[in-house]
PDB file of all heavy atoms in Angstrom:
ATOM      1  N   LYS A   1       3.957   0.568   8.364  1.00  0.00           N
ATOM      2  CA  LYS A   1       4.058   0.784   9.809  1.00  0.00           C
ATOM      3  C   LYS A   1       4.133   2.272  10.135  1.00  0.00           C
ATOM      4  O   LYS A   1       4.553   3.096   9.309  1.00  0.00           O
ATOM      5  CB  LYS A   1       5.288   0.069  10.359  1.00  0.00           C
ATOM      6  CG  LYS A   1       6.615   0.681   9.925  1.00  0.00           C
ATOM      7  CD  LYS A   1       7.793  -0.062  10.553  1.00  0.00           C
ATOM      8  CE  LYS A   1       9.127   0.564  10.144  1.00  0.00           C
ATOM      9  NZ  LYS A   1      10.276  -0.148  10.729  1.00  0.00           N
ATOM     10  N   VAL A   2       3.714   2.601  11.332  1.00  0.00           N
ATOM     11  CA  VAL A   2       3.889   3.963  11.843  1.00  0.00           C
ATOM     12  C   VAL A   2       5.322   4.064  12.354  1.00  0.00           C
ATOM     13  O   VAL A   2       5.746   3.289  13.215  1.00  0.00           O
ATOM     14  CB  VAL A   2       2.889   4.260  12.969  1.00  0.00           C
ATOM     15  CG1 VAL A   2       3.137   5.659  13.531  1.00  0.00           C
ATOM     16  CG2 VAL A   2       1.453   4.128  12.463  1.00  0.00           C
ATOM     17  N   ALA A   3       6.079   5.011  11.803  1.00  0.00           N
ATOM     18  CA  ALA A   3       7.499   5.120  12.153  1.00  0.00           C
ATOM     19  C   ALA A   3       7.857   6.576  12.448  1.00  0.00           C
ATOM     20  O   ALA A   3       7.291   7.496  11.849  1.00  0.00           O
ATOM     21  CB  ALA A   3       8.366   4.590  11.017  1.00  0.00           C
ATOM     22  N   PRO A   4       8.804   6.829  13.388  1.00  0.00           N
ATOM     23  CA  PRO A   4       9.247   8.202  13.652  1.00  0.00           C
ATOM     24  C   PRO A   4      10.081   8.732  12.488  1.00  0.00           C
ATOM     25  O   PRO A   4      10.976   8.040  11.983  1.00  0.00           O
ATOM     26  CB  PRO A   4      10.095   8.059  14.924  1.00  0.00           C
ATOM     27  CG  PRO A   4      10.555   6.631  14.912  1.00  0.00           C
ATOM     28  CD  PRO A   4       9.475   5.835  14.259  1.00  0.00           C
ATOM     29  N   ARG A   5       9.769   9.923  12.033  1.00  0.00           N
ATOM     30  CA  ARG A   5      10.493  10.538  10.908  1.00  0.00           C
ATOM     31  C   ARG A   5      10.797  12.000  11.247  1.00  0.00           C
ATOM     32  O   ARG A   5      10.022  12.657  11.962  1.00  0.00           O
ATOM     33  CB  ARG A   5       9.648  10.520   9.638  1.00  0.00           C
ATOM     34  CG  ARG A   5       9.083   9.165   9.247  1.00  0.00           C
ATOM     35  CD  ARG A   5      10.065   8.371   8.440  1.00  0.00           C
ATOM     36  NE  ARG A   5       9.429   7.185   7.894  1.00  0.00           N
ATOM     37  CZ  ARG A   5      10.052   6.045   7.672  1.00  0.00           C
ATOM     38  NH1 ARG A   5      11.338   5.939   7.956  1.00  0.00           N
ATOM     39  NH2 ARG A   5       9.418   5.011   7.163  1.00  0.00           N
ATOM     40  N   PRO A   6      11.883  12.530  10.709  1.00  0.00           N
ATOM     41  CA  PRO A   6      12.096  13.976  10.818  1.00  0.00           C
ATOM     42  C   PRO A   6      11.085  14.685   9.920  1.00  0.00           C
ATOM     43  O   PRO A   6      10.935  14.334   8.752  1.00  0.00           O
ATOM     44  CB  PRO A   6      13.540  14.169  10.324  1.00  0.00           C
ATOM     45  CG  PRO A   6      13.813  12.966   9.466  1.00  0.00           C
ATOM     46  CD  PRO A   6      12.997  11.859  10.018  1.00  0.00           C
ATOM     47  N   TRP A   7      10.386  15.650  10.458  1.00  0.00           N
ATOM     48  CA  TRP A   7       9.270  16.271   9.739  1.00  0.00           C
ATOM     49  C   TRP A   7       9.271  17.778   9.995  1.00  0.00           C
ATOM     50  O   TRP A   7       9.592  18.222  11.100  1.00  0.00           O
ATOM     51  CB  TRP A   7       7.960  15.664  10.252  1.00  0.00           C
ATOM     52  CG  TRP A   7       6.816  15.679   9.289  1.00  0.00           C
ATOM     53  CD1 TRP A   7       5.745  16.529   9.287  1.00  0.00           C
ATOM     54  CD2 TRP A   7       6.605  14.786   8.201  1.00  0.00           C
ATOM     55  NE1 TRP A   7       4.889  16.218   8.270  1.00  0.00           N
ATOM     56  CE2 TRP A   7       5.387  15.141   7.580  1.00  0.00           C
ATOM     57  CE3 TRP A   7       7.331  13.706   7.685  1.00  0.00           C
ATOM     58  CZ2 TRP A   7       4.876  14.481   6.464  1.00  0.00           C
ATOM     59  CZ3 TRP A   7       6.815  13.040   6.584  1.00  0.00           C
ATOM     60  CH2 TRP A   7       5.614  13.418   5.981  1.00  0.00           C
ATOM     61  N   VAL A   8       8.943  18.542   8.981  1.00  0.00           N
ATOM     62  CA  VAL A   8       8.898  19.996   9.136  1.00  0.00           C
ATOM     63  C   VAL A   8       7.492  20.414   9.558  1.00  0.00           C
ATOM     64  O   VAL A   8       6.518  20.143   8.852  1.00  0.00           O
ATOM     65  CB  VAL A   8       9.284  20.709   7.827  1.00  0.00           C
ATOM     66  CG1 VAL A   8       9.166  22.231   8.005  1.00  0.00           C
ATOM     67  CG2 VAL A   8      10.703  20.330   7.412  1.00  0.00           C
ATOM     68  N   VAL A   9       7.400  21.060  10.731  1.00  0.00           N
ATOM     69  CA  VAL A   9       6.122  21.565  11.228  1.00  0.00           C
ATOM     70  C   VAL A   9       6.329  23.021  11.626  1.00  0.00           C
ATOM     71  O   VAL A   9       7.175  23.326  12.463  1.00  0.00           O
ATOM     72  CB  VAL A   9       5.623  20.747  12.446  1.00  0.00           C
ATOM     73  CG1 VAL A   9       4.297  21.312  12.943  1.00  0.00           C
ATOM     74  CG2 VAL A   9       5.478  19.284  12.090  1.00  0.00           C
ATOM     75  N   ASP A  10       5.541  23.909  11.005  1.00  0.00           N
ATOM     76  CA  ASP A  10       5.656  25.356  11.287  1.00  0.00           C
ATOM     77  C   ASP A  10       7.083  25.853  11.115  1.00  0.00           C
ATOM     78  O   ASP A  10       7.604  26.624  11.941  1.00  0.00           O
ATOM     79  CB  ASP A  10       5.153  25.658  12.707  1.00  0.00           C
ATOM     80  CG  ASP A  10       3.674  25.342  12.877  1.00  0.00           C
ATOM     81  OD1 ASP A  10       2.935  25.446  11.880  1.00  0.00           O
ATOM     82  OD2 ASP A  10       3.283  24.957  13.999  1.00  0.00           O
ATOM     83  N   GLY A  11       7.756  25.361  10.089  1.00  0.00           N
ATOM     84  CA  GLY A  11       9.087  25.841   9.766  1.00  0.00           C
ATOM     85  C   GLY A  11      10.214  25.228  10.561  1.00  0.00           C
ATOM     86  O   GLY A  11      11.377  25.561  10.352  1.00  0.00           O
ATOM     87  N   ALA A  12       9.892  24.318  11.488  1.00  0.00           N
ATOM     88  CA  ALA A  12      10.928  23.682  12.306  1.00  0.00           C
ATOM     89  C   ALA A  12      10.892  22.167  12.103  1.00  0.00           C
ATOM     90  O   ALA A  12       9.824  21.573  11.909  1.00  0.00           O
ATOM     91  CB  ALA A  12      10.719  24.025  13.773  1.00  0.00           C
ATOM     92  N   ILE A  13      12.096  21.559  12.161  1.00  0.00           N
ATOM     93  CA  ILE A  13      12.184  20.115  12.001  1.00  0.00           C
ATOM     94  C   ILE A  13      12.062  19.443  13.359  1.00  0.00           C
ATOM     95  O   ILE A  13      12.706  19.840  14.340  1.00  0.00           O
ATOM     96  CB  ILE A  13      13.516  19.713  11.347  1.00  0.00           C
ATOM     97  CG1 ILE A  13      13.606  20.295   9.934  1.00  0.00           C
ATOM     98  CG2 ILE A  13      13.664  18.195  11.293  1.00  0.00           C
ATOM     99  CD1 ILE A  13      14.919  20.012   9.238  1.00  0.00           C
ATOM    100  N   GLY A  14      11.221  18.418  13.420  1.00  0.00           N
ATOM    101  CA  GLY A  14      11.053  17.677  14.663  1.00  0.00           C
ATOM    102  C   GLY A  14      10.600  16.260  14.372  1.00  0.00           C
ATOM    103  O   GLY A  14      10.220  15.928  13.247  1.00  0.00           O
ATOM    104  N   PRO A  15      10.614  15.396  15.387  1.00  0.00           N
ATOM    105  CA  PRO A  15      10.175  14.014  15.183  1.00  0.00           C
ATOM    106  C   PRO A  15       8.649  13.923  15.110  1.00  0.00           C
ATOM    107  O   PRO A  15       7.945  14.508  15.934  1.00  0.00           O
ATOM    108  CB  PRO A  15      10.711  13.290  16.422  1.00  0.00           C
ATOM    109  CG  PRO A  15      10.773  14.348  17.473  1.00  0.00           C
ATOM    110  CD  PRO A  15      11.089  15.631  16.772  1.00  0.00           C
ATOM    111  N   ARG A  16       8.164  13.211  14.124  1.00  0.00           N
ATOM    112  CA  ARG A  16       6.726  12.992  13.980  1.00  0.00           C
ATOM    113  C   ARG A  16       6.473  11.523  13.640  1.00  0.00           C
ATOM    114  O   ARG A  16       7.335  10.829  13.095  1.00  0.00           O
ATOM    115  CB  ARG A  16       6.137  13.864  12.861  1.00  0.00           C
ATOM    116  CG  ARG A  16       6.398  15.351  13.013  1.00  0.00           C
ATOM    117  CD  ARG A  16       5.634  15.972  14.145  1.00  0.00           C
ATOM    118  NE  ARG A  16       4.199  16.126  13.837  1.00  0.00           N
ATOM    119  CZ  ARG A  16       3.340  16.707  14.654  1.00  0.00           C
ATOM    120  NH1 ARG A  16       3.744  17.174  15.841  1.00  0.00           N
ATOM    121  NH2 ARG A  16       2.061  16.810  14.315  1.00  0.00           N
ATOM    122  N   SER A  17       5.277  11.050  13.953  1.00  0.00           N
ATOM    123  CA  SER A  17       4.878   9.685  13.596  1.00  0.00           C
ATOM    124  C   SER A  17       4.275   9.715  12.195  1.00  0.00           C
ATOM    125  O   SER A  17       3.304  10.435  11.942  1.00  0.00           O
ATOM    126  CB  SER A  17       3.848   9.154  14.594  1.00  0.00           C
ATOM    127  OG  SER A  17       4.429   9.030  15.878  1.00  0.00           O
ATOM    128  N   VAL A  18       4.856   8.922  11.303  1.00  0.00           N
ATOM    129  CA  VAL A  18       4.466   8.968   9.892  1.00  0.00           C
ATOM    130  C   VAL A  18       4.138   7.564   9.401  1.00  0.00           C
ATOM    131  O   VAL A  18       4.824   6.593   9.757  1.00  0.00           O
ATOM    132  CB  VAL A  18       5.600   9.581   9.028  1.00  0.00           C
ATOM    133  CG1 VAL A  18       5.239   9.538   7.544  1.00  0.00           C
ATOM    134  CG2 VAL A  18       5.882  11.010   9.468  1.00  0.00           C
ATOM    135  N   ILE A  19       3.092   7.466   8.597  1.00  0.00           N
ATOM    136  CA  ILE A  19       2.716   6.193   7.985  1.00  0.00           C
ATOM    137  C   ILE A  19       2.726   6.354   6.466  1.00  0.00           C
ATOM    138  O   ILE A  19       2.309   7.392   5.943  1.00  0.00           O
ATOM    139  CB  ILE A  19       1.328   5.721   8.477  1.00  0.00           C
ATOM    140  CG1 ILE A  19       1.050   4.289   8.045  1.00  0.00           C
ATOM    141  CG2 ILE A  19       0.225   6.649   8.004  1.00  0.00           C
ATOM    142  CD1 ILE A  19      -0.202   3.692   8.689  1.00  0.00           C
ATOM    143  N   THR A  20       3.241   5.359   5.764  1.00  0.00           N
ATOM    144  CA  THR A  20       3.272   5.383   4.303  1.00  0.00           C
ATOM    145  C   THR A  20       2.035   4.675   3.770  1.00  0.00           C
ATOM    146  O   THR A  20       1.773   3.515   4.106  1.00  0.00           O
ATOM    147  CB  THR A  20       4.531   4.704   3.757  1.00  0.00           C
ATOM    148  OG1 THR A  20       5.687   5.401   4.246  1.00  0.00           O
ATOM    149  CG2 THR A  20       4.548   4.714   2.233  1.00  0.00           C
ATOM    150  N   THR A  21       1.266   5.390   2.962  1.00  0.00           N
ATOM    151  CA  THR A  21       0.052   4.855   2.348  1.00  0.00           C
ATOM    152  C   THR A  21       0.261   4.752   0.849  1.00  0.00           C
ATOM    153  O   THR A  21       0.837   5.653   0.232  1.00  0.00           O
ATOM    154  CB  THR A  21      -1.148   5.776   2.630  1.00  0.00           C
ATOM    155  OG1 THR A  21      -1.250   5.982   4.039  1.00  0.00           O
ATOM    156  CG2 THR A  21      -2.439   5.176   2.122  1.00  0.00           C
ATOM    157  N   THR A  22      -0.186   3.642   0.262  1.00  0.00           N
ATOM    158  CA  THR A  22      -0.010   3.450  -1.171  1.00  0.00           C
ATOM    159  C   THR A  22      -1.356   3.169  -1.838  1.00  0.00           C
ATOM    160  O   THR A  22      -2.298   2.684  -1.207  1.00  0.00           O
ATOM    161  CB  THR A  22       0.938   2.268  -1.476  1.00  0.00           C
ATOM    162  OG1 THR A  22       0.387   1.068  -0.923  1.00  0.00           O
ATOM    163  CG2 THR A  22       2.314   2.509  -0.888  1.00  0.00           C
ATOM    164  N   LEU A  23      -1.404   3.469  -3.119  1.00  0.00           N
ATOM    165  CA  LEU A  23      -2.575   3.173  -3.938  1.00  0.00           C
ATOM    166  C   LEU A  23      -2.130   2.387  -5.159  1.00  0.00           C
ATOM    167  O   LEU A  23      -1.204   2.792  -5.866  1.00  0.00           O
ATOM    168  CB  LEU A  23      -3.256   4.475  -4.383  1.00  0.00           C
ATOM    169  CG  LEU A  23      -4.295   4.349  -5.506  1.00  0.00           C
ATOM    170  CD1 LEU A  23      -5.541   3.596  -5.014  1.00  0.00           C
ATOM    171  CD2 LEU A  23      -4.689   5.724  -6.058  1.00  0.00           C
ATOM    172  N   SER A  24      -2.760   1.252  -5.385  1.00  0.00           N
ATOM    173  CA  SER A  24      -2.639   0.523  -6.645  1.00  0.00           C
ATOM    174  C   SER A  24      -3.988   0.651  -7.324  1.00  0.00           C
ATOM    175  O   SER A  24      -5.010   0.241  -6.752  1.00  0.00           O
ATOM    176  CB  SER A  24      -2.308  -0.951  -6.409  1.00  0.00           C
ATOM    177  OG  SER A  24      -1.142  -1.095  -5.618  1.00  0.00           O
ATOM    178  N   ALA A  25      -4.033   1.222  -8.521  1.00  0.00           N
ATOM    179  CA  ALA A  25      -5.317   1.498  -9.163  1.00  0.00           C
ATOM    180  C   ALA A  25      -5.297   1.077 -10.633  1.00  0.00           C
ATOM    181  O   ALA A  25      -4.235   0.866 -11.226  1.00  0.00           O
ATOM    182  CB  ALA A  25      -5.664   2.973  -9.033  1.00  0.00           C
ATOM    183  N   ASP A  26      -6.490   0.971 -11.191  1.00  0.00           N
ATOM    184  CA  ASP A  26      -6.701   0.501 -12.561  1.00  0.00           C
ATOM    185  C   ASP A  26      -6.683   1.699 -13.514  1.00  0.00           C
ATOM    186  O   ASP A  26      -7.553   2.570 -13.445  1.00  0.00           O
ATOM    187  CB  ASP A  26      -8.046  -0.225 -12.621  1.00  0.00           C
ATOM    188  CG  ASP A  26      -8.292  -0.917 -13.946  1.00  0.00           C
ATOM    189  OD1 ASP A  26      -7.685  -0.517 -14.955  1.00  0.00           O
ATOM    190  OD2 ASP A  26      -9.113  -1.864 -13.975  1.00  0.00           O
ATOM    191  N   HIS A  27      -5.692   1.720 -14.445  1.00  0.00           N
ATOM    192  CA  HIS A  27      -5.541   2.856 -15.349  1.00  0.00           C
ATOM    193  C   HIS A  27      -6.655   2.931 -16.384  1.00  0.00           C
ATOM    194  O   HIS A  27      -6.798   3.955 -17.068  1.00  0.00           O
ATOM    195  CB  HIS A  27      -4.181   2.779 -16.058  1.00  0.00           C
ATOM    196  CG  HIS A  27      -3.412   4.057 -15.997  1.00  0.00           C
ATOM    197  ND1 HIS A  27      -4.006   5.292 -16.153  1.00  0.00           N
ATOM    198  CD2 HIS A  27      -2.097   4.309 -15.796  1.00  0.00           C
ATOM    199  CE1 HIS A  27      -3.088   6.235 -16.063  1.00  0.00           C
ATOM    200  NE2 HIS A  27      -1.914   5.676 -15.836  1.00  0.00           N
ATOM    201  N   ARG A  28      -7.453   1.899 -16.517  1.00  0.00           N
ATOM    202  CA  ARG A  28      -8.601   1.962 -17.431  1.00  0.00           C
ATOM    203  C   ARG A  28      -9.713   2.831 -16.848  1.00  0.00           C
ATOM    204  O   ARG A  28     -10.616   3.261 -17.575  1.00  0.00           O
ATOM    205  CB  ARG A  28      -9.149   0.551 -17.702  1.00  0.00           C
ATOM    206  CG  ARG A  28      -8.175  -0.387 -18.398  1.00  0.00           C
ATOM    207  CD  ARG A  28      -8.708  -1.811 -18.424  1.00  0.00           C
ATOM    208  NE  ARG A  28      -8.905  -2.354 -17.072  1.00  0.00           N
ATOM    209  CZ  ARG A  28      -9.314  -3.602 -16.837  1.00  0.00           C
ATOM    210  NH1 ARG A  28      -9.570  -4.422 -17.848  1.00  0.00           N
ATOM    211  NH2 ARG A  28      -9.477  -4.031 -15.591  1.00  0.00           N
ATOM    212  N   VAL A  29      -9.639   3.053 -15.539  1.00  0.00           N
ATOM    213  CA  VAL A  29     -10.729   3.754 -14.845  1.00  0.00           C
ATOM    214  C   VAL A  29     -10.284   5.117 -14.322  1.00  0.00           C
ATOM    215  O   VAL A  29     -11.047   6.083 -14.347  1.00  0.00           O
ATOM    216  CB  VAL A  29     -11.253   2.886 -13.681  1.00  0.00           C
ATOM    217  CG1 VAL A  29     -12.350   3.604 -12.913  1.00  0.00           C
ATOM    218  CG2 VAL A  29     -11.765   1.550 -14.207  1.00  0.00           C
ATOM    219  N   SER A  30      -9.063   5.207 -13.810  1.00  0.00           N
ATOM    220  CA  SER A  30      -8.589   6.458 -13.222  1.00  0.00           C
ATOM    221  C   SER A  30      -7.149   6.725 -13.655  1.00  0.00           C
ATOM    222  O   SER A  30      -6.530   5.906 -14.334  1.00  0.00           O
ATOM    223  CB  SER A  30      -8.675   6.392 -11.688  1.00  0.00           C
ATOM    224  OG  SER A  30      -7.812   5.375 -11.193  1.00  0.00           O
ATOM    225  N   ASP A  31      -6.627   7.864 -13.229  1.00  0.00           N
ATOM    226  CA  ASP A  31      -5.238   8.205 -13.555  1.00  0.00           C
ATOM    227  C   ASP A  31      -4.536   8.753 -12.316  1.00  0.00           C
ATOM    228  O   ASP A  31      -5.138   8.863 -11.242  1.00  0.00           O
ATOM    229  CB  ASP A  31      -5.172   9.222 -14.709  1.00  0.00           C
ATOM    230  CG  ASP A  31      -5.995  10.474 -14.445  1.00  0.00           C
ATOM    231  OD1 ASP A  31      -6.122  10.874 -13.271  1.00  0.00           O
ATOM    232  OD2 ASP A  31      -6.518  11.051 -15.407  1.00  0.00           O
ATOM    233  N   GLY A  32      -3.259   9.101 -12.478  1.00  0.00           N
ATOM    234  CA  GLY A  32      -2.454   9.546 -11.349  1.00  0.00           C
ATOM    235  C   GLY A  32      -2.971  10.800 -10.684  1.00  0.00           C
ATOM    236  O   GLY A  32      -2.839  10.960  -9.459  1.00  0.00           O
ATOM    237  N   HIS A  33      -3.577  11.714 -11.460  1.00  0.00           N
ATOM    238  CA  HIS A  33      -4.103  12.951 -10.866  1.00  0.00           C
ATOM    239  C   HIS A  33      -5.217  12.628  -9.875  1.00  0.00           C
ATOM    240  O   HIS A  33      -5.202  13.104  -8.728  1.00  0.00           O
ATOM    241  CB  HIS A  33      -4.627  13.865 -11.970  1.00  0.00           C
ATOM    242  CG  HIS A  33      -5.315  15.098 -11.452  1.00  0.00           C
ATOM    243  ND1 HIS A  33      -4.631  16.146 -10.869  1.00  0.00           N
ATOM    244  CD2 HIS A  33      -6.639  15.440 -11.413  1.00  0.00           C
ATOM    245  CE1 HIS A  33      -5.479  17.078 -10.490  1.00  0.00           C
ATOM    246  NE2 HIS A  33      -6.710  16.680 -10.817  1.00  0.00           N
ATOM    247  N   ALA A  34      -6.174  11.802 -10.319  1.00  0.00           N
ATOM    248  CA  ALA A  34      -7.274  11.419  -9.424  1.00  0.00           C
ATOM    249  C   ALA A  34      -6.753  10.604  -8.244  1.00  0.00           C
ATOM    250  O   ALA A  34      -7.201  10.776  -7.103  1.00  0.00           O
ATOM    251  CB  ALA A  34      -8.321  10.611 -10.203  1.00  0.00           C
ATOM    252  N   GLY A  35      -5.766   9.733  -8.510  1.00  0.00           N
ATOM    253  CA  GLY A  35      -5.194   8.924  -7.435  1.00  0.00           C
ATOM    254  C   GLY A  35      -4.516   9.760  -6.372  1.00  0.00           C
ATOM    255  O   GLY A  35      -4.618   9.478  -5.170  1.00  0.00           O
ATOM    256  N   ALA A  36      -3.823  10.826  -6.810  1.00  0.00           N
ATOM    257  CA  ALA A  36      -3.149  11.708  -5.858  1.00  0.00           C
ATOM    258  C   ALA A  36      -4.161  12.420  -4.964  1.00  0.00           C
ATOM    259  O   ALA A  36      -3.959  12.559  -3.751  1.00  0.00           O
ATOM    260  CB  ALA A  36      -2.290  12.726  -6.615  1.00  0.00           C
ATOM    261  N   LEU A  37      -5.254  12.876  -5.559  1.00  0.00           N
ATOM    262  CA  LEU A  37      -6.289  13.544  -4.767  1.00  0.00           C
ATOM    263  C   LEU A  37      -6.923  12.577  -3.771  1.00  0.00           C
ATOM    264  O   LEU A  37      -7.240  12.947  -2.634  1.00  0.00           O
ATOM    265  CB  LEU A  37      -7.370  14.114  -5.700  1.00  0.00           C
ATOM    266  CG  LEU A  37      -6.929  15.253  -6.625  1.00  0.00           C
ATOM    267  CD1 LEU A  37      -8.061  15.629  -7.583  1.00  0.00           C
ATOM    268  CD2 LEU A  37      -6.489  16.477  -5.817  1.00  0.00           C
ATOM    269  N   PHE A  38      -7.104  11.325  -4.202  1.00  0.00           N
ATOM    270  CA  PHE A  38      -7.689  10.298  -3.338  1.00  0.00           C
ATOM    271  C   PHE A  38      -6.800  10.035  -2.124  1.00  0.00           C
ATOM    272  O   PHE A  38      -7.266  10.025  -0.975  1.00  0.00           O
ATOM    273  CB  PHE A  38      -7.886   9.029  -4.163  1.00  0.00           C
ATOM    274  CG  PHE A  38      -8.526   7.886  -3.425  1.00  0.00           C
ATOM    275  CD1 PHE A  38      -9.663   8.070  -2.657  1.00  0.00           C
ATOM    276  CD2 PHE A  38      -7.989   6.613  -3.503  1.00  0.00           C
ATOM    277  CE1 PHE A  38     -10.267   7.009  -1.996  1.00  0.00           C
ATOM    278  CE2 PHE A  38      -8.572   5.549  -2.842  1.00  0.00           C
ATOM    279  CZ  PHE A  38      -9.712   5.750  -2.086  1.00  0.00           C
ATOM    280  N   LEU A  39      -5.497   9.848  -2.357  1.00  0.00           N
ATOM    281  CA  LEU A  39      -4.571   9.607  -1.247  1.00  0.00           C
ATOM    282  C   LEU A  39      -4.481  10.832  -0.330  1.00  0.00           C
ATOM    283  O   LEU A  39      -4.395  10.688   0.899  1.00  0.00           O
ATOM    284  CB  LEU A  39      -3.185   9.251  -1.782  1.00  0.00           C
ATOM    285  CG  LEU A  39      -2.987   7.824  -2.298  1.00  0.00           C
ATOM    286  CD1 LEU A  39      -1.555   7.632  -2.787  1.00  0.00           C
ATOM    287  CD2 LEU A  39      -3.309   6.800  -1.224  1.00  0.00           C
ATOM    288  N   ALA A  40      -4.487  12.025  -0.923  1.00  0.00           N
ATOM    289  CA  ALA A  40      -4.433  13.247  -0.104  1.00  0.00           C
ATOM    290  C   ALA A  40      -5.653  13.353   0.794  1.00  0.00           C
ATOM    291  O   ALA A  40      -5.561  13.805   1.944  1.00  0.00           O
ATOM    292  CB  ALA A  40      -4.331  14.470  -1.015  1.00  0.00           C
TER     293      ALA A  40
END
């Protein structure tokens, strides 16, 4: 869900809308480094 979170923007903390995204992937094909770049 999109939820309000305290977030640092330009050095100041303020409320922002944040969504948590997850990746479940096959380790026979990729690894955590590639997965991190994909989510980013």
